[in-house]
Amino acid sequence: MDLPDELLYSKEHLWIRVEEGRAVIGITDHAQESLGAISAIELPAIGDELEQDDSFGTVEARKTVAELYAPVSGAVLEVNSEIVDAPEIINDDPYDAGWLLVVEMADSEELKLLMSAEDYLEQVSGAEE
């Protein structure tokens, strides 16, 4: 399982890369492996407001549909249209080409509620036991 140390992680298996007050958000390698071949993704529109821990979209794989929950609050600035057309990119490259969206964070204090790579690994390792 690939788990970059410079990212933050949510308990709902999303990662965040903070860049100048903006959060680039994606699905973790662990989550995409668990889901299997991703066949569809539904994301919010540019300008939509996200609230931390609220559902903002879905990801469909095999015979399951999983909700995506916002790791931070804020306005959607960008959506990765490439993964809407080719969702398998998430399976191939979850931390780079497979990013989901960019959010202008409303409250950087929310980042304190997220996990380090080490903490996230502990969470997913505990769940597998």
Protein backbone atom coordinates (compact mmCIF):
# COMPACT_ATOMS: atom_id res chain seq x y z
CA MET A 1 0.00 0.00 0.00
CA ASP A 2 1.36 3.36 -1.07
CA LEU A 3 1.01 6.03 1.62
CA PRO A 4 2.87 9.34 1.02
CA ASP A 5 4.05 10.90 4.30
CA GLU A 6 3.42 14.49 3.16
CA LEU A 7 -0.34 13.97 2.89
CA LEU A 8 -3.07 14.04 5.53
CA TYR A 9 -5.74 11.33 5.68
CA SER A 10 -9.38 11.11 6.72
CA LYS A 11 -11.04 8.18 8.48
CA GLU A 12 -13.21 7.89 5.33
CA HIS A 13 -10.11 6.99 3.24
CA LEU A 14 -9.46 10.27 1.47
CA TRP A 15 -6.14 12.09 1.30
CA ILE A 16 -5.40 15.83 1.29
CA ARG A 17 -2.42 17.72 -0.06
CA VAL A 18 -2.43 21.32 1.21
CA GLU A 19 -1.18 23.89 -1.30
CA GLU A 20 -1.43 27.61 -0.38
CA GLY A 21 -4.72 27.38 1.53
CA ARG A 22 -6.20 24.96 -0.95
CA ALA A 23 -6.80 21.27 -0.42
CA VAL A 24 -6.25 18.81 -3.26
CA ILE A 25 -8.38 15.76 -2.34
CA GLY A 26 -8.26 12.18 -3.56
CA ILE A 27 -9.00 8.56 -2.65
CA THR A 28 -6.29 6.63 -0.82
CA ASP A 29 -4.46 3.70 -2.36
CA HIS A 30 -5.95 1.48 0.35
CA ALA A 31 -9.49 2.56 -0.58
CA GLN A 32 -9.04 2.05 -4.32
CA GLU A 33 -7.55 -1.41 -3.66
CA SER A 34 -10.49 -2.31 -1.40
CA LEU A 35 -13.03 -1.07 -3.94
CA GLY A 36 -11.46 -2.83 -6.90
CA ALA A 37 -11.94 -1.61 -10.46
CA ILE A 38 -13.62 1.80 -10.25
CA SER A 39 -16.25 2.18 -12.97
CA ALA A 40 -17.88 5.55 -12.21
CA ILE A 41 -17.49 8.61 -10.02
CA GLU A 42 -19.87 11.43 -9.17
CA LEU A 43 -18.35 14.70 -7.99
CA PRO A 44 -19.71 18.14 -7.02
CA ALA A 45 -19.71 21.10 -9.39
CA ILE A 46 -17.24 23.96 -9.29
CA GLY A 47 -18.55 26.53 -6.81
CA ASP A 48 -20.36 23.99 -4.61
CA GLU A 49 -19.78 24.42 -0.87
CA LEU A 50 -18.60 21.36 1.07
CA GLU A 51 -19.05 20.84 4.80
CA GLN A 52 -16.55 18.66 6.64
CA ASP A 53 -17.82 15.07 7.02
CA ASP A 54 -20.80 15.62 4.67
CA SER A 55 -21.21 13.49 1.55
CA PHE A 56 -20.08 15.22 -1.64
CA GLY A 57 -20.20 12.42 -4.19
CA THR A 58 -19.98 8.71 -4.88
CA VAL A 59 -17.57 6.20 -6.32
CA GLU A 60 -18.85 3.04 -8.00
CA ALA A 61 -16.84 -0.16 -8.28
CA ARG A 62 -17.88 -3.71 -9.11
CA LYS A 63 -21.14 -4.17 -7.23
CA THR A 64 -20.78 -1.40 -4.66
CA VAL A 65 -21.34 2.33 -4.48
CA ALA A 66 -19.42 4.19 -1.77
CA GLU A 67 -20.14 7.69 -0.49
CA LEU A 68 -17.33 10.26 -0.48
CA TYR A 69 -17.17 12.45 2.64
CA ALA A 70 -15.49 15.85 2.69
CA PRO A 71 -12.33 15.88 4.82
CA VAL A 72 -12.53 19.71 5.03
CA SER A 73 -15.11 22.44 4.46
CA GLY A 74 -14.83 24.90 1.61
CA ALA A 75 -15.72 25.87 -1.93
CA VAL A 76 -14.92 23.56 -4.84
CA LEU A 77 -12.44 25.33 -7.12
CA GLU A 78 -11.56 22.51 -9.52
CA VAL A 79 -12.89 19.08 -10.42
CA ASN A 80 -10.77 16.46 -12.18
CA SER A 81 -12.87 15.96 -15.32
CA GLU A 82 -10.44 13.32 -16.62
CA ILE A 83 -11.46 10.84 -13.91
CA VAL A 84 -15.16 11.42 -14.62
CA ASP A 85 -14.53 10.20 -18.17
CA ALA A 86 -11.93 7.57 -17.19
CA PRO A 87 -12.44 6.62 -13.49
CA GLU A 88 -9.90 3.79 -13.77
CA ILE A 89 -7.21 6.50 -13.49
CA ILE A 90 -7.93 6.44 -9.73
CA ASN A 91 -6.92 2.77 -9.61
CA ASP A 92 -3.78 3.41 -11.64
CA ASP A 93 -2.56 6.59 -9.92
CA PRO A 94 -4.58 7.55 -6.81
CA TYR A 95 -2.11 10.18 -5.54
CA ASP A 96 -1.29 12.05 -8.73
CA ALA A 97 -3.42 11.84 -11.88
CA GLY A 98 -6.33 10.35 -9.88
CA TRP A 99 -7.02 13.41 -7.68
CA LEU A 100 -10.71 14.26 -7.28
CA LEU A 101 -11.05 17.97 -6.58
CA VAL A 102 -9.46 21.14 -5.23
CA VAL A 103 -11.19 23.01 -2.40
CA GLU A 104 -10.57 26.51 -1.04
CA MET A 105 -10.52 25.62 2.65
CA ALA A 106 -12.92 27.55 4.88
CA ASP A 107 -11.11 26.67 8.13
CA SER A 108 -7.54 25.37 8.24
CA GLU A 109 -8.16 24.29 11.86
CA GLU A 110 -10.11 21.32 10.42
CA LEU A 111 -6.79 19.87 9.26
CA LYS A 112 -6.02 19.06 12.92
CA LEU A 113 -8.81 16.45 12.80
CA LEU A 114 -7.06 14.51 10.03
CA MET A 115 -4.45 11.78 10.39
CA SER A 116 -0.80 11.46 9.49
CA ALA A 117 0.27 8.61 7.20
CA GLU A 118 1.41 6.68 10.27
CA ASP A 119 -1.95 7.12 12.04
CA TYR A 120 -3.89 6.20 8.90
CA LEU A 121 -1.79 3.06 8.44
CA GLU A 122 -2.55 2.12 12.06
CA GLN A 123 -6.29 2.61 11.42
CA VAL A 124 -6.43 0.49 8.27
CA SER A 125 -4.13 -2.17 9.72
CA GLY A 126 -6.41 -2.45 12.76
CA ALA A 127 -9.48 -2.76 10.54
CA GLU A 128 -7.95 -5.70 8.66
CA GLU A 129 -7.26 -7.75 11.77
